[in-house]
Amino acid sequence: MMFGRQLHCLLSNIRPNKRKHQHYQQVKENVRTTSPNYHPGENVFIKTRDEKKWQPATIVSRKHRYSYLVSTPR
């Protein structure tokens, strides 16, 4: 151990890293519980790639986990 660091070798990859695994599980659980869940008819604000201003929209349907079909007033 030099300067408080762990030495790594080929055999280091065989042992599971408990700290990394625990951190991964916490992040995974946090993403699962904090992802927004919108329902059709809810009013939201969206920002398109072309425009820099937020504009109102309404959720029409859910396409994927983080993807929604929305309608805008225009």
Protein backbone atom coordinates (compact mmCIF):
# COMPACT_ATOMS: atom_id res chain seq x y z
CA MET A 1 0.00 0.00 0.00
CA MET A 2 1.49 3.26 -1.10
CA PHE A 3 -0.08 6.58 -0.13
CA GLY A 4 -3.10 4.71 1.30
CA ARG A 5 -4.08 3.16 -2.03
CA GLN A 6 -4.91 -0.48 -2.63
CA LEU A 7 -2.69 -2.41 -5.00
CA HIS A 8 -4.56 -3.89 -7.95
CA CYS A 9 -3.66 -7.00 -9.88
CA LEU A 10 -5.47 -9.57 -12.00
CA LEU A 11 -6.80 -11.36 -8.93
CA SER A 12 -8.37 -8.11 -7.71
CA ASN A 13 -11.02 -8.48 -10.43
CA ILE A 14 -12.11 -11.87 -9.11
CA ARG A 15 -13.10 -10.62 -5.68
CA PRO A 16 -16.36 -8.68 -5.64
CA ASN A 17 -16.05 -5.05 -4.65
CA LYS A 18 -18.71 -4.69 -1.95
CA ARG A 19 -18.53 -0.90 -1.81
CA LYS A 20 -19.10 -0.50 -5.57
CA HIS A 21 -21.90 -3.06 -5.53
CA GLN A 22 -23.63 -1.30 -2.62
CA HIS A 23 -23.29 2.08 -4.33
CA TYR A 24 -24.71 0.64 -7.57
CA GLN A 25 -27.70 -0.82 -5.69
CA GLN A 26 -28.39 2.52 -3.97
CA VAL A 27 -28.24 4.45 -7.24
CA LYS A 28 -30.44 1.88 -8.97
CA GLU A 29 -33.03 2.07 -6.17
CA ASN A 30 -32.92 5.88 -6.18
CA VAL A 31 -33.55 6.04 -9.94
CA ARG A 32 -36.41 3.59 -9.61
CA THR A 33 -38.15 5.66 -6.91
CA THR A 34 -37.44 9.18 -8.18
CA SER A 35 -38.35 8.81 -11.85
CA PRO A 36 -41.36 10.95 -12.76
CA ASN A 37 -44.59 9.17 -13.50
CA TYR A 38 -47.02 11.23 -15.57
CA HIS A 39 -50.53 10.27 -16.60
CA PRO A 40 -52.50 11.20 -19.75
CA GLY A 41 -54.19 14.57 -19.39
CA GLU A 42 -51.59 16.05 -17.03
CA ASN A 43 -50.23 19.48 -17.88
CA VAL A 44 -46.43 19.74 -18.14
CA PHE A 45 -43.81 22.07 -19.58
CA ILE A 46 -41.48 20.93 -22.35
CA LYS A 47 -38.38 22.34 -23.97
CA THR A 48 -37.58 21.30 -27.52
CA ARG A 49 -34.09 21.10 -28.95
CA ASP A 50 -34.69 24.00 -31.32
CA GLU A 51 -36.30 26.45 -28.91
CA LYS A 52 -34.81 27.81 -25.72
CA LYS A 53 -38.08 28.63 -23.96
CA TRP A 54 -40.27 26.26 -21.97
CA GLN A 55 -43.77 25.82 -23.35
CA PRO A 56 -46.91 24.21 -21.92
CA ALA A 57 -47.99 20.79 -23.14
CA THR A 58 -50.39 18.00 -22.20
CA ILE A 59 -49.45 14.33 -21.81
CA VAL A 60 -51.23 12.19 -24.41
CA SER A 61 -49.68 8.77 -23.74
CA ARG A 62 -46.60 7.03 -22.40
CA LYS A 63 -44.31 5.45 -25.01
CA HIS A 64 -41.39 4.12 -22.95
CA ARG A 65 -40.08 4.41 -19.40
CA TYR A 66 -38.94 8.03 -19.84
CA SER A 67 -40.68 8.90 -23.09
CA TYR A 68 -44.12 10.49 -23.45
CA LEU A 69 -46.23 11.66 -26.35
CA VAL A 70 -47.37 15.24 -25.71
CA SER A 71 -49.55 17.76 -27.46
CA THR A 72 -48.84 21.47 -27.53
CA PRO A 73 -51.41 24.28 -27.91
CA ARG A 74 -50.04 25.35 -31.31
